[in-house]
Each structure stands twice: as C-alpha cells, then as structure tokens.
Amino acid sequence: MRRPQTHPQMNLYEPSTRRQVVQSMLVLVRCNTYARRMDIETVAAAAINLFCTYKYYLSVYRNRVIKKKWRRRRWWMLTIHRNRTKNSMENQFAELYAEPSGEFNNFVRMSSSDFEYLLQKISPTIAKKDTDWRDAIPVKVRLAVTLRYLATGDSYRSLHYLFKISSQVISIIVPEVCLALNNVLPYVFLADAAFALSTHIMKPFPGHHALGTPERLFNQKLSSSRVAVENTFGIMSSVFRIFKKPIPLNITKASLITMTCVLLHNFLRKSKTSQHLYSPQIQKIRSWRQNYTGTFDPLQPIPRRAPACAVETRLKFTRYINENNH
C-alpha cells in the first residue's frame, strides 16, 4: 500500500521559504485593502443614492399640489344680488334717467344726449352676451358704473352696494369701458420743443417764422392753448373727484383712468348740452397754481426724427388753423 505524500517541513531560515511567505502575506494584504476599498465605495454609493432620494423628495414636497377637500359653497351669490335681473337694472336706470330734476346729469356728470352718444359709440366693443347661468349686465349700466366711479372716486366696494354688482366684476368693467372711450374719442397732447413729435403729441415748428405764415400761426395757437391747459386739472379735479385722493390701482390702470378723464374733459367742454354742467364758472387761468412751489427743472429738447404720419397730422392742424383764423 502506497503511503500518502507529506509536505516537507518548511524551513524559515531558507531564503526561498522566506520569500514565499512574504509573497503570501502581500497577497493577503492586497486582498484586505481591496475588500476595504470596496466597502468604502459601497458606502459612498449608498450615501449618494440616499442624498439624491432626499433632494428628490424635497423637490416634490415643495412643488406638490395640495388637494383640499371639496366643500360645498354656502352661497353662489350674495343675497342682495339675487334679485338683480336685467329687467331690474333696466328699471332702475330708467327711473334715474327720467328724473326731471336733473339728477341723472349730476350722476354721470354729463347730459343725457351726450351719454347716449357715448353709449352708441362704445356699445359694439363692451357689449356682452347672455349665458345659461346669468344675464349679461347691460351696456348702459356698464357705462354708468364707470362714469360714477370717475365722478366720485368711490371704491369698487361702495359701487357694489349702489349697483348690486360685485366689486370683482366692477374691477373688470371700469378698465374695459375706459379703454373703449380711449378708442372712440380722438386726442392729441400739446407739448413744447422738449418732446418728440408723434401722432398724439403736437409740438411747435422749430426755428423762426415770418409773421402771418402758417407755421407762425400754428405756434401761436399752440402756445395759447398750452396756457389754457394749465387750468384743466383744476376743472377736472372738481368734477372727477377720483383725483382728490390717491387712485388705488396699478400704474397701467391709473394711467388709463387719467387718460379717460382727459378725453371726457375735452368732450364735455365742446358739448352744447353738457358744457354748462361740466364747467359753469370757469376758474381764473393759473389760479390753482398760485401756491405751487415745485422745483422741477425745464426739460431739455432731444433731437428726434418724427415719423411721416406725425408730420402729416401737424400739417392738418396747421391747415385747419390757417383756414379758420379770424
């Protein structure tokens, strides 16, 4: 029977044996280092994965849409609005319109004929259609709401009690009607040489012109008109009392309100039926500026090339002034 082979006993004193042991130990150290490195990479990958999951959760949490439990409305509209119908608004307006004491003229700051004229002009723009849910507010009521707002400067909340229209709807009606009035009432601004000439801004002809020439007459009329315009704000603020206090609207809507009042001023001053209602006693020119202590410096003229349409508009005014100069 063959005896099993046995490994000879290793002699550590031999150089070859020591070399084998050292190599085996190096292999073990390398294996442990690799295993430790794998553990570090695993932990780092797990940490990065956890961090990304946390950031994703935060982004979803911040941009989440919270679905509130639906709650049935207690009222579709206020009780004071429930009896508001198109017929009731028409009847209320007709009673005020037919009042012989002139209350309607004071209510809208103009005659009934001028009111009807403006109504015909803006009706195609601001008219609304009836729906299955509710009747549309008549155009005459929309115009009356806007004119009353300009005349009194009352808040939308106050007008809501007067017309039985919600303040949210009034906040939509007023800008729409003002924009429609801006479109149907033509206008130009009178300015000096510091402003640029445009279709809506008239400035004098530059340079010196001989006496009696159309350009000289235009500049004279423009200068005298600018003197009269200085008194306009005093008249406007006494009728459109919205200027008696700060306008609680943004800049765009406040500019639209101001422009509408300017156009209505020009319209009512030229009207034969509303002129005596609008300004029965013309104030003395510049009387409202006597206590003015402003420190504004005069504007410096800026050379700009005017468009052809602006030049043509100024020539039309020049021809009109020259033909009607008496």
C-alpha atoms as a PDB file:
ATOM      1  CA  MET A   1       0.000   0.000   0.000  1.00  0.00           C
ATOM      2  CA  ARG A   2       1.355   3.364  -1.059  1.00  0.00           C
ATOM      3  CA  ARG A   3       1.988   5.868   1.706  1.00  0.00           C
ATOM      4  CA  PRO A   4       0.442   9.346   1.305  1.00  0.00           C
ATOM      5  CA  GLN A   5       2.762  12.097   0.331  1.00  0.00           C
ATOM      6  CA  THR A   6       3.563  14.600   3.016  1.00  0.00           C
ATOM      7  CA  HIS A   7       4.890  18.056   2.564  1.00  0.00           C
ATOM      8  CA  PRO A   8       8.249  18.501   3.917  1.00  0.00           C
ATOM      9  CA  GLN A   9       8.520  20.769   6.915  1.00  0.00           C
ATOM     10  CA  MET A  10       9.210  24.336   5.812  1.00  0.00           C
ATOM     11  CA  ASN A  11      12.476  25.778   6.906  1.00  0.00           C
ATOM     12  CA  LEU A  12      12.022  29.503   7.546  1.00  0.00           C
ATOM     13  CA  TYR A  13      15.697  30.009   7.583  1.00  0.00           C
ATOM     14  CA  GLU A  14      15.941  29.241   3.924  1.00  0.00           C
ATOM     15  CA  PRO A  15      15.748  32.316   1.641  1.00  0.00           C
ATOM     16  CA  SER A  16      13.304  30.711  -0.766  1.00  0.00           C
ATOM     17  CA  THR A  17      10.895  29.883   2.009  1.00  0.00           C
ATOM     18  CA  ARG A  18      11.003  33.366   3.461  1.00  0.00           C
ATOM     19  CA  ARG A  19      10.345  34.759   0.010  1.00  0.00           C
ATOM     20  CA  GLN A  20       7.240  32.601  -0.393  1.00  0.00           C
ATOM     21  CA  VAL A  21       5.901  33.682   2.977  1.00  0.00           C
ATOM     22  CA  VAL A  22       6.438  37.326   2.206  1.00  0.00           C
ATOM     23  CA  GLN A  23       4.667  36.957  -1.138  1.00  0.00           C
ATOM     24  CA  SER A  24       1.719  35.202   0.526  1.00  0.00           C
ATOM     25  CA  MET A  25       1.442  37.981   3.120  1.00  0.00           C
ATOM     26  CA  LEU A  26       1.483  40.626   0.397  1.00  0.00           C
ATOM     27  CA  VAL A  27      -1.348  38.839  -1.383  1.00  0.00           C
ATOM     28  CA  LEU A  28      -3.374  38.793   1.848  1.00  0.00           C
ATOM     29  CA  VAL A  29      -2.743  42.488   2.456  1.00  0.00           C
ATOM     30  CA  ARG A  30      -3.785  43.344  -1.091  1.00  0.00           C
ATOM     31  CA  CYS A  31      -6.967  41.311  -0.711  1.00  0.00           C
ATOM     32  CA  ASN A  32      -7.851  43.059   2.550  1.00  0.00           C
ATOM     33  CA  THR A  33      -7.131  46.500   1.040  1.00  0.00           C
ATOM     34  CA  TYR A  34      -9.318  45.718  -1.975  1.00  0.00           C
ATOM     35  CA  ALA A  35     -12.107  44.497   0.265  1.00  0.00           C
ATOM     36  CA  ARG A  36     -11.809  47.631   2.415  1.00  0.00           C
ATOM     37  CA  ARG A  37     -11.837  49.805  -0.712  1.00  0.00           C
ATOM     38  CA  MET A  38     -14.937  48.006  -1.948  1.00  0.00           C
ATOM     39  CA  ASP A  39     -16.638  48.722   1.370  1.00  0.00           C
ATOM     40  CA  ILE A  40     -15.810  52.435   1.122  1.00  0.00           C
ATOM     41  CA  GLU A  41     -17.121  52.633  -2.447  1.00  0.00           C
ATOM     42  CA  THR A  42     -20.297  50.797  -1.435  1.00  0.00           C
ATOM     43  CA  VAL A  43     -20.893  53.149   1.463  1.00  0.00           C
ATOM     44  CA  ALA A  44     -20.201  56.196  -0.748  1.00  0.00           C
ATOM     45  CA  ALA A  45     -22.610  54.936  -3.422  1.00  0.00           C
ATOM     46  CA  ALA A  46     -25.271  54.307  -0.796  1.00  0.00           C
ATOM     47  CA  ALA A  47     -24.761  57.813   0.647  1.00  0.00           C
ATOM     48  CA  ILE A  48     -25.042  59.425  -2.784  1.00  0.00           C
ATOM     49  CA  ASN A  49     -28.181  57.430  -3.520  1.00  0.00           C
ATOM     50  CA  LEU A  50     -29.699  58.468  -0.190  1.00  0.00           C
ATOM     51  CA  PHE A  51     -28.811  62.137  -0.802  1.00  0.00           C
ATOM     52  CA  CYS A  52     -30.402  62.105  -4.274  1.00  0.00           C
ATOM     53  CA  THR A  53     -33.524  60.480  -2.888  1.00  0.00           C
ATOM     54  CA  TYR A  54     -33.746  63.160  -0.195  1.00  0.00           C
ATOM     55  CA  LYS A  55     -33.343  66.001  -2.728  1.00  0.00           C
ATOM     56  CA  TYR A  56     -35.997  64.459  -4.957  1.00  0.00           C
ATOM     57  CA  TYR A  57     -38.361  64.221  -2.008  1.00  0.00           C
ATOM     58  CA  LEU A  58     -37.783  67.880  -1.152  1.00  0.00           C
ATOM     59  CA  SER A  59     -38.463  68.996  -4.740  1.00  0.00           C
ATOM     60  CA  VAL A  60     -41.668  67.003  -4.884  1.00  0.00           C
ATOM     61  CA  TYR A  61     -42.742  68.220  -1.453  1.00  0.00           C
ATOM     62  CA  ARG A  62     -42.174  71.874  -2.278  1.00  0.00           C
ATOM     63  CA  ASN A  63     -43.940  71.752  -5.651  1.00  0.00           C
ATOM     64  CA  ARG A  64     -46.724  69.495  -4.559  1.00  0.00           C
ATOM     65  CA  VAL A  65     -50.328  70.387  -5.228  1.00  0.00           C
ATOM     66  CA  ILE A  66     -52.338  70.064  -2.080  1.00  0.00           C
ATOM     67  CA  LYS A  67     -55.772  68.787  -2.888  1.00  0.00           C
ATOM     68  CA  LYS A  68     -58.100  70.308  -0.383  1.00  0.00           C
ATOM     69  CA  LYS A  69     -61.246  68.578   0.488  1.00  0.00           C
ATOM     70  CA  TRP A  70     -64.084  69.903  -1.657  1.00  0.00           C
ATOM     71  CA  ARG A  71     -66.538  71.929   0.334  1.00  0.00           C
ATOM     72  CA  ARG A  72     -69.927  72.876  -0.937  1.00  0.00           C
ATOM     73  CA  ARG A  73     -70.490  76.601  -1.329  1.00  0.00           C
ATOM     74  CA  ARG A  74     -72.900  78.175   1.057  1.00  0.00           C
ATOM     75  CA  TRP A  75     -73.877  80.916  -1.417  1.00  0.00           C
ATOM     76  CA  TRP A  76     -73.483  81.225  -5.172  1.00  0.00           C
ATOM     77  CA  MET A  77     -74.005  84.996  -4.853  1.00  0.00           C
ATOM     78  CA  LEU A  78     -74.822  87.446  -2.099  1.00  0.00           C
ATOM     79  CA  THR A  79     -78.399  87.856  -1.023  1.00  0.00           C
ATOM     80  CA  ILE A  80     -78.536  91.482  -2.191  1.00  0.00           C
ATOM     81  CA  HIS A  81     -77.580  90.306  -5.690  1.00  0.00           C
ATOM     82  CA  ARG A  82     -80.126  87.532  -6.007  1.00  0.00           C
ATOM     83  CA  ASN A  83     -82.948  89.830  -7.048  1.00  0.00           C
ATOM     84  CA  ARG A  84     -80.767  91.506  -9.675  1.00  0.00           C
ATOM     85  CA  THR A  85     -82.058  90.821 -13.152  1.00  0.00           C
ATOM     86  CA  LYS A  86     -81.730  92.579 -16.458  1.00  0.00           C
ATOM     87  CA  ASN A  87     -85.221  93.976 -16.043  1.00  0.00           C
ATOM     88  CA  SER A  88     -84.493  95.288 -12.554  1.00  0.00           C
ATOM     89  CA  MET A  89     -81.332  97.034 -13.764  1.00  0.00           C
ATOM     90  CA  GLU A  90     -83.184  98.479 -16.740  1.00  0.00           C
ATOM     91  CA  ASN A  91     -85.968  99.765 -14.472  1.00  0.00           C
ATOM     92  CA  GLN A  92     -83.524 101.305 -12.018  1.00  0.00           C
ATOM     93  CA  PHE A  93     -81.687 103.048 -14.803  1.00  0.00           C
ATOM     94  CA  ALA A  94     -84.920 104.219 -16.463  1.00  0.00           C
ATOM     95  CA  GLU A  95     -86.152 105.795 -13.217  1.00  0.00           C
ATOM     96  CA  LEU A  96     -82.933 107.744 -12.800  1.00  0.00           C
ATOM     97  CA  TYR A  97     -82.839 108.674 -16.490  1.00  0.00           C
ATOM     98  CA  ALA A  98     -86.414 110.019 -16.428  1.00  0.00           C
ATOM     99  CA  GLU A  99     -85.939 112.097 -13.274  1.00  0.00           C
ATOM    100  CA  PRO A 100     -86.866 115.683 -14.296  1.00  0.00           C
ATOM    101  CA  SER A 101     -84.784 117.374 -11.600  1.00  0.00           C
ATOM    102  CA  GLY A 102     -81.510 116.746 -13.441  1.00  0.00           C
ATOM    103  CA  GLU A 103     -80.297 114.054 -11.067  1.00  0.00           C
ATOM    104  CA  PHE A 104     -79.106 111.894 -13.949  1.00  0.00           C
ATOM    105  CA  ASN A 105     -76.904 114.704 -15.276  1.00  0.00           C
ATOM    106  CA  ASN A 106     -75.303 115.075 -11.869  1.00  0.00           C
ATOM    107  CA  PHE A 107     -74.971 111.311 -11.515  1.00  0.00           C
ATOM    108  CA  VAL A 108     -72.913 110.830 -14.693  1.00  0.00           C
ATOM    109  CA  ARG A 109     -71.558 114.418 -14.964  1.00  0.00           C
ATOM    110  CA  MET A 110     -72.994 114.971 -18.456  1.00  0.00           C
ATOM    111  CA  SER A 111     -76.264 115.449 -20.297  1.00  0.00           C
ATOM    112  CA  SER A 112     -78.442 112.535 -21.308  1.00  0.00           C
ATOM    113  CA  SER A 113     -77.825 113.215 -25.007  1.00  0.00           C
ATOM    114  CA  ASP A 114     -74.055 113.017 -24.560  1.00  0.00           C
ATOM    115  CA  PHE A 115     -74.491 109.852 -22.540  1.00  0.00           C
ATOM    116  CA  GLU A 116     -76.465 108.308 -25.392  1.00  0.00           C
ATOM    117  CA  TYR A 117     -73.833 109.444 -27.894  1.00  0.00           C
ATOM    118  CA  LEU A 118     -71.037 107.722 -25.973  1.00  0.00           C
ATOM    119  CA  LEU A 119     -73.251 104.695 -25.452  1.00  0.00           C
ATOM    120  CA  GLN A 120     -73.728 104.240 -29.199  1.00  0.00           C
ATOM    121  CA  LYS A 121     -70.000 104.623 -29.810  1.00  0.00           C
ATOM    122  CA  ILE A 122     -68.773 102.020 -27.328  1.00  0.00           C
ATOM    123  CA  SER A 123     -71.672  99.538 -27.374  1.00  0.00           C
ATOM    124  CA  PRO A 124     -70.179  97.254 -30.061  1.00  0.00           C
ATOM    125  CA  THR A 125     -66.962  96.999 -28.039  1.00  0.00           C
ATOM    126  CA  ILE A 126     -68.177  96.371 -24.490  1.00  0.00           C
ATOM    127  CA  ALA A 127     -71.463  94.528 -25.080  1.00  0.00           C
ATOM    128  CA  LYS A 128     -71.653  91.024 -23.571  1.00  0.00           C
ATOM    129  CA  LYS A 129     -73.910  88.089 -24.409  1.00  0.00           C
ATOM    130  CA  ASP A 130     -76.303  86.345 -22.057  1.00  0.00           C
ATOM    131  CA  THR A 131     -75.447  82.838 -20.881  1.00  0.00           C
ATOM    132  CA  ASP A 132     -77.419  79.932 -19.478  1.00  0.00           C
ATOM    133  CA  TRP A 133     -76.206  80.804 -15.995  1.00  0.00           C
ATOM    134  CA  ARG A 134     -76.929  84.516 -15.850  1.00  0.00           C
ATOM    135  CA  ASP A 135     -77.924  87.574 -17.865  1.00  0.00           C
ATOM    136  CA  ALA A 136     -75.246  89.981 -19.062  1.00  0.00           C
ATOM    137  CA  ILE A 137     -75.002  93.417 -17.489  1.00  0.00           C
ATOM    138  CA  PRO A 138     -76.459  95.984 -19.934  1.00  0.00           C
ATOM    139  CA  VAL A 139     -74.076  98.312 -21.718  1.00  0.00           C
ATOM    140  CA  LYS A 140     -75.737 101.439 -20.298  1.00  0.00           C
ATOM    141  CA  VAL A 141     -75.193 100.159 -16.776  1.00  0.00           C
ATOM    142  CA  ARG A 142     -71.543  99.429 -17.540  1.00  0.00           C
ATOM    143  CA  LEU A 143     -71.057 102.976 -18.797  1.00  0.00           C
ATOM    144  CA  ALA A 144     -72.938 104.435 -15.823  1.00  0.00           C
ATOM    145  CA  VAL A 145     -70.791 102.452 -13.361  1.00  0.00           C
ATOM    146  CA  THR A 146     -67.600 103.750 -14.967  1.00  0.00           C
ATOM    147  CA  LEU A 147     -68.743 107.376 -15.100  1.00  0.00           C
ATOM    148  CA  ARG A 148     -69.909 107.226 -11.490  1.00  0.00           C
ATOM    149  CA  TYR A 149     -66.538 105.822 -10.448  1.00  0.00           C
ATOM    150  CA  LEU A 150     -64.726 108.672 -12.205  1.00  0.00           C
ATOM    151  CA  ALA A 151     -67.136 111.261 -10.788  1.00  0.00           C
ATOM    152  CA  THR A 152     -66.900 110.203  -7.154  1.00  0.00           C
ATOM    153  CA  GLY A 153     -63.707 108.223  -6.774  1.00  0.00           C
ATOM    154  CA  ASP A 154     -65.622 105.759  -4.583  1.00  0.00           C
ATOM    155  CA  SER A 155     -64.181 102.313  -4.072  1.00  0.00           C
ATOM    156  CA  TYR A 156     -65.452  99.333  -6.011  1.00  0.00           C
ATOM    157  CA  ARG A 157     -66.933  98.101  -2.765  1.00  0.00           C
ATOM    158  CA  SER A 158     -69.104 101.222  -2.417  1.00  0.00           C
ATOM    159  CA  LEU A 159     -70.309 100.973  -6.011  1.00  0.00           C
ATOM    160  CA  HIS A 160     -71.127  97.338  -5.390  1.00  0.00           C
ATOM    161  CA  TYR A 161     -73.828  98.370  -2.897  1.00  0.00           C
ATOM    162  CA  LEU A 162     -75.211 101.008  -5.286  1.00  0.00           C
ATOM    163  CA  PHE A 163     -75.472  98.926  -8.466  1.00  0.00           C
ATOM    164  CA  LYS A 164     -75.774  95.438  -6.912  1.00  0.00           C
ATOM    165  CA  ILE A 165     -72.748  94.311  -8.913  1.00  0.00           C
ATOM    166  CA  SER A 166     -69.839  92.562  -7.232  1.00  0.00           C
ATOM    167  CA  SER A 167     -66.669  94.552  -6.745  1.00  0.00           C
ATOM    168  CA  GLN A 168     -64.736  91.917  -8.734  1.00  0.00           C
ATOM    169  CA  VAL A 169     -66.957  92.467 -11.771  1.00  0.00           C
ATOM    170  CA  ILE A 170     -66.729  96.261 -11.380  1.00  0.00           C
ATOM    171  CA  SER A 171     -62.931  96.000 -11.373  1.00  0.00           C
ATOM    172  CA  ILE A 172     -63.239  94.415 -14.847  1.00  0.00           C
ATOM    173  CA  ILE A 173     -65.938  96.761 -16.163  1.00  0.00           C
ATOM    174  CA  VAL A 174     -64.138 100.045 -15.402  1.00  0.00           C
ATOM    175  CA  PRO A 175     -60.902  99.331 -17.369  1.00  0.00           C
ATOM    176  CA  GLU A 176     -62.860  97.866 -20.302  1.00  0.00           C
ATOM    177  CA  VAL A 177     -65.113 100.917 -20.611  1.00  0.00           C
ATOM    178  CA  CYS A 178     -62.195 103.334 -20.184  1.00  0.00           C
ATOM    179  CA  LEU A 179     -60.275 101.573 -22.939  1.00  0.00           C
ATOM    180  CA  ALA A 180     -63.309 101.761 -25.224  1.00  0.00           C
ATOM    181  CA  LEU A 181     -63.673 105.503 -24.529  1.00  0.00           C
ATOM    182  CA  ASN A 182     -59.988 105.999 -25.322  1.00  0.00           C
ATOM    183  CA  ASN A 183     -60.522 104.383 -28.698  1.00  0.00           C
ATOM    184  CA  VAL A 184     -63.587 106.391 -29.767  1.00  0.00           C
ATOM    185  CA  LEU A 185     -62.542 109.844 -28.517  1.00  0.00           C
ATOM    186  CA  PRO A 186     -59.629 111.294 -30.567  1.00  0.00           C
ATOM    187  CA  TYR A 187     -56.964 113.248 -28.778  1.00  0.00           C
ATOM    188  CA  VAL A 188     -53.576 114.946 -29.024  1.00  0.00           C
ATOM    189  CA  PHE A 189     -51.230 116.257 -26.330  1.00  0.00           C
ATOM    190  CA  LEU A 190     -49.854 119.794 -26.554  1.00  0.00           C
ATOM    191  CA  ALA A 191     -46.147 119.879 -25.790  1.00  0.00           C
ATOM    192  CA  ASP A 192     -43.110 122.111 -26.135  1.00  0.00           C
ATOM    193  CA  ALA A 193     -39.899 121.536 -28.077  1.00  0.00           C
ATOM    194  CA  ALA A 194     -38.543 119.109 -25.455  1.00  0.00           C
ATOM    195  CA  PHE A 195     -40.902 116.350 -26.594  1.00  0.00           C
ATOM    196  CA  ALA A 196     -40.795 114.259 -29.729  1.00  0.00           C
ATOM    197  CA  LEU A 197     -43.428 114.818 -32.403  1.00  0.00           C
ATOM    198  CA  SER A 198     -45.907 111.950 -32.823  1.00  0.00           C
ATOM    199  CA  THR A 199     -49.467 111.398 -33.992  1.00  0.00           C
ATOM    200  CA  HIS A 200     -50.733 112.144 -30.463  1.00  0.00           C
ATOM    201  CA  ILE A 201     -48.140 114.772 -29.392  1.00  0.00           C
ATOM    202  CA  MET A 202     -48.066 118.162 -31.125  1.00  0.00           C
ATOM    203  CA  LYS A 203     -45.040 120.422 -30.711  1.00  0.00           C
ATOM    204  CA  PRO A 204     -44.185 123.810 -32.304  1.00  0.00           C
ATOM    205  CA  PHE A 205     -42.417 124.159 -35.625  1.00  0.00           C
ATOM    206  CA  PRO A 206     -38.700 124.636 -34.941  1.00  0.00           C
ATOM    207  CA  GLY A 207     -36.899 127.846 -35.864  1.00  0.00           C
ATOM    208  CA  HIS A 208     -38.185 131.380 -36.523  1.00  0.00           C
ATOM    209  CA  HIS A 209     -41.027 132.008 -38.964  1.00  0.00           C
ATOM    210  CA  ALA A 210     -42.237 135.232 -40.568  1.00  0.00           C
ATOM    211  CA  LEU A 211     -45.346 136.931 -39.252  1.00  0.00           C
ATOM    212  CA  GLY A 212     -48.530 135.620 -40.856  1.00  0.00           C
ATOM    213  CA  THR A 213     -47.077 132.351 -42.087  1.00  0.00           C
ATOM    214  CA  PRO A 214     -48.990 129.122 -41.321  1.00  0.00           C
ATOM    215  CA  GLU A 215     -46.149 127.871 -39.142  1.00  0.00           C
ATOM    216  CA  ARG A 216     -46.167 131.085 -37.090  1.00  0.00           C
ATOM    217  CA  LEU A 217     -49.955 130.888 -36.594  1.00  0.00           C
ATOM    218  CA  PHE A 218     -49.706 127.246 -35.535  1.00  0.00           C
ATOM    219  CA  ASN A 219     -47.026 128.032 -32.948  1.00  0.00           C
ATOM    220  CA  GLN A 220     -49.083 130.932 -31.549  1.00  0.00           C
ATOM    221  CA  LYS A 221     -52.220 128.811 -31.221  1.00  0.00           C
ATOM    222  CA  LEU A 222     -50.253 126.005 -29.642  1.00  0.00           C
ATOM    223  CA  SER A 223     -48.689 128.345 -27.086  1.00  0.00           C
ATOM    224  CA  SER A 224     -52.007 129.979 -26.129  1.00  0.00           C
ATOM    225  CA  SER A 225     -53.664 126.561 -25.846  1.00  0.00           C
ATOM    226  CA  ARG A 226     -50.941 125.353 -23.507  1.00  0.00           C
ATOM    227  CA  VAL A 227     -51.670 128.296 -21.207  1.00  0.00           C
ATOM    228  CA  ALA A 228     -55.340 127.271 -21.061  1.00  0.00           C
ATOM    229  CA  VAL A 229     -54.417 123.649 -20.443  1.00  0.00           C
ATOM    230  CA  GLU A 230     -52.701 124.654 -17.211  1.00  0.00           C
ATOM    231  CA  ASN A 231     -56.139 125.283 -15.742  1.00  0.00           C
ATOM    232  CA  THR A 232     -57.583 121.992 -16.938  1.00  0.00           C
ATOM    233  CA  PHE A 233     -56.574 119.947 -13.950  1.00  0.00           C
ATOM    234  CA  GLY A 234     -58.323 122.340 -11.568  1.00  0.00           C
ATOM    235  CA  ILE A 235     -61.578 121.888 -13.502  1.00  0.00           C
ATOM    236  CA  MET A 236     -61.133 118.134 -13.874  1.00  0.00           C
ATOM    237  CA  SER A 237     -60.463 117.518 -10.191  1.00  0.00           C
ATOM    238  CA  SER A 238     -63.572 119.474  -9.213  1.00  0.00           C
ATOM    239  CA  VAL A 239     -65.791 117.246 -11.399  1.00  0.00           C
ATOM    240  CA  PHE A 240     -63.946 113.929 -11.474  1.00  0.00           C
ATOM    241  CA  ARG A 241     -63.237 113.622  -7.788  1.00  0.00           C
ATOM    242  CA  ILE A 242     -61.215 110.500  -8.262  1.00  0.00           C
ATOM    243  CA  PHE A 243     -58.229 112.904  -8.374  1.00  0.00           C
ATOM    244  CA  LYS A 244     -58.990 114.189  -4.873  1.00  0.00           C
ATOM    245  CA  LYS A 245     -57.245 111.182  -3.335  1.00  0.00           C
ATOM    246  CA  PRO A 246     -54.732 108.530  -4.358  1.00  0.00           C
ATOM    247  CA  ILE A 247     -56.028 106.126  -7.006  1.00  0.00           C
ATOM    248  CA  PRO A 248     -55.857 102.586  -5.531  1.00  0.00           C
ATOM    249  CA  LEU A 249     -54.914 100.934  -8.832  1.00  0.00           C
ATOM    250  CA  ASN A 250     -51.724  99.836 -10.540  1.00  0.00           C
ATOM    251  CA  ILE A 251     -49.817 102.205 -12.825  1.00  0.00           C
ATOM    252  CA  THR A 252     -51.335 100.897 -16.055  1.00  0.00           C
ATOM    253  CA  LYS A 253     -54.928 101.216 -14.883  1.00  0.00           C
ATOM    254  CA  ALA A 254     -54.292 104.573 -13.198  1.00  0.00           C
ATOM    255  CA  SER A 255     -52.884 105.923 -16.481  1.00  0.00           C
ATOM    256  CA  LEU A 256     -55.937 104.604 -18.313  1.00  0.00           C
ATOM    257  CA  ILE A 257     -58.262 106.293 -15.799  1.00  0.00           C
ATOM    258  CA  THR A 258     -56.407 109.608 -16.127  1.00  0.00           C
ATOM    259  CA  MET A 259     -56.463 109.461 -19.919  1.00  0.00           C
ATOM    260  CA  THR A 260     -60.193 108.739 -19.907  1.00  0.00           C
ATOM    261  CA  CYS A 261     -60.884 111.774 -17.705  1.00  0.00           C
ATOM    262  CA  VAL A 262     -58.829 113.982 -20.029  1.00  0.00           C
ATOM    263  CA  LEU A 263     -60.801 112.781 -23.049  1.00  0.00           C
ATOM    264  CA  LEU A 264     -64.106 113.264 -21.259  1.00  0.00           C
ATOM    265  CA  HIS A 265     -62.999 116.784 -20.300  1.00  0.00           C
ATOM    266  CA  ASN A 266     -62.432 117.689 -23.937  1.00  0.00           C
ATOM    267  CA  PHE A 267     -65.671 116.025 -24.989  1.00  0.00           C
ATOM    268  CA  LEU A 268     -67.817 117.759 -22.350  1.00  0.00           C
ATOM    269  CA  ARG A 269     -66.210 121.174 -22.818  1.00  0.00           C
ATOM    270  CA  LYS A 270     -67.160 121.113 -26.520  1.00  0.00           C
ATOM    271  CA  SER A 271     -70.637 119.709 -25.938  1.00  0.00           C
ATOM    272  CA  LYS A 272     -73.510 122.183 -26.234  1.00  0.00           C
ATOM    273  CA  THR A 273     -75.672 120.240 -23.805  1.00  0.00           C
ATOM    274  CA  SER A 274     -73.059 119.423 -21.150  1.00  0.00           C
ATOM    275  CA  GLN A 275     -70.760 122.460 -21.169  1.00  0.00           C
ATOM    276  CA  HIS A 276     -72.829 124.376 -18.608  1.00  0.00           C
ATOM    277  CA  LEU A 277     -72.977 121.265 -16.416  1.00  0.00           C
ATOM    278  CA  TYR A 278     -69.300 120.488 -16.596  1.00  0.00           C
ATOM    279  CA  SER A 279     -67.792 123.942 -16.004  1.00  0.00           C
ATOM    280  CA  PRO A 280     -70.486 126.543 -15.191  1.00  0.00           C
ATOM    281  CA  GLN A 281     -67.923 129.045 -13.895  1.00  0.00           C
ATOM    282  CA  ILE A 282     -64.510 128.866 -15.483  1.00  0.00           C
ATOM    283  CA  GLN A 283     -61.773 129.437 -12.953  1.00  0.00           C
ATOM    284  CA  LYS A 284     -59.175 132.088 -13.492  1.00  0.00           C
ATOM    285  CA  ILE A 285     -56.261 130.862 -15.528  1.00  0.00           C
ATOM    286  CA  ARG A 286     -53.436 129.502 -13.350  1.00  0.00           C
ATOM    287  CA  SER A 287     -55.378 130.193 -10.148  1.00  0.00           C
ATOM    288  CA  TRP A 288     -54.824 126.641  -8.912  1.00  0.00           C
ATOM    289  CA  ARG A 289     -51.049 127.043  -9.380  1.00  0.00           C
ATOM    290  CA  GLN A 290     -50.638 130.111  -7.157  1.00  0.00           C
ATOM    291  CA  ASN A 291     -49.474 128.038  -4.203  1.00  0.00           C
ATOM    292  CA  TYR A 292     -47.300 125.730  -6.286  1.00  0.00           C
ATOM    293  CA  THR A 293     -43.690 125.597  -5.062  1.00  0.00           C
ATOM    294  CA  GLY A 294     -42.261 122.933  -7.335  1.00  0.00           C
ATOM    295  CA  THR A 295     -38.565 122.711  -8.124  1.00  0.00           C
ATOM    296  CA  PHE A 296     -38.673 120.889 -11.451  1.00  0.00           C
ATOM    297  CA  ASP A 297     -36.056 121.949 -13.974  1.00  0.00           C
ATOM    298  CA  PRO A 298     -37.183 122.612 -17.559  1.00  0.00           C
ATOM    299  CA  LEU A 299     -36.774 119.682 -19.901  1.00  0.00           C
ATOM    300  CA  GLN A 300     -34.006 119.842 -22.460  1.00  0.00           C
ATOM    301  CA  PRO A 301     -35.017 119.254 -26.097  1.00  0.00           C
ATOM    302  CA  ILE A 302     -33.920 115.948 -27.576  1.00  0.00           C
ATOM    303  CA  PRO A 303     -33.469 115.875 -31.367  1.00  0.00           C
ATOM    304  CA  ARG A 304     -35.515 113.069 -32.868  1.00  0.00           C
ATOM    305  CA  ARG A 305     -36.722 112.350 -36.357  1.00  0.00           C
ATOM    306  CA  ALA A 306     -40.514 112.432 -36.441  1.00  0.00           C
ATOM    307  CA  PRO A 307     -42.420 109.777 -38.420  1.00  0.00           C
ATOM    308  CA  ALA A 308     -44.198 110.823 -41.598  1.00  0.00           C
ATOM    309  CA  CYS A 309     -47.660 110.242 -40.078  1.00  0.00           C
ATOM    310  CA  ALA A 310     -46.859 112.654 -37.222  1.00  0.00           C
ATOM    311  CA  VAL A 311     -45.674 115.329 -39.649  1.00  0.00           C
ATOM    312  CA  GLU A 312     -48.854 114.899 -41.693  1.00  0.00           C
ATOM    313  CA  THR A 313     -51.003 115.238 -38.560  1.00  0.00           C
ATOM    314  CA  ARG A 314     -49.317 118.515 -37.647  1.00  0.00           C
ATOM    315  CA  LEU A 315     -49.795 119.806 -41.201  1.00  0.00           C
ATOM    316  CA  LYS A 316     -53.530 119.015 -40.945  1.00  0.00           C
ATOM    317  CA  PHE A 317     -53.764 121.098 -37.773  1.00  0.00           C
ATOM    318  CA  THR A 318     -51.758 123.850 -39.450  1.00  0.00           C
ATOM    319  CA  ARG A 319     -54.088 123.985 -42.443  1.00  0.00           C
ATOM    320  CA  TYR A 320     -57.141 123.961 -40.186  1.00  0.00           C
ATOM    321  CA  ILE A 321     -55.805 126.841 -38.067  1.00  0.00           C
ATOM    322  CA  ASN A 322     -54.786 128.831 -41.137  1.00  0.00           C
ATOM    323  CA  GLU A 323     -58.198 128.399 -42.808  1.00  0.00           C
ATOM    324  CA  ASN A 324     -60.179 129.273 -39.661  1.00  0.00           C
ATOM    325  CA  ASN A 325     -58.014 132.122 -38.392  1.00  0.00           C
ATOM    326  CA  HIS A 326     -60.398 135.061 -37.902  1.00  0.00           C
END
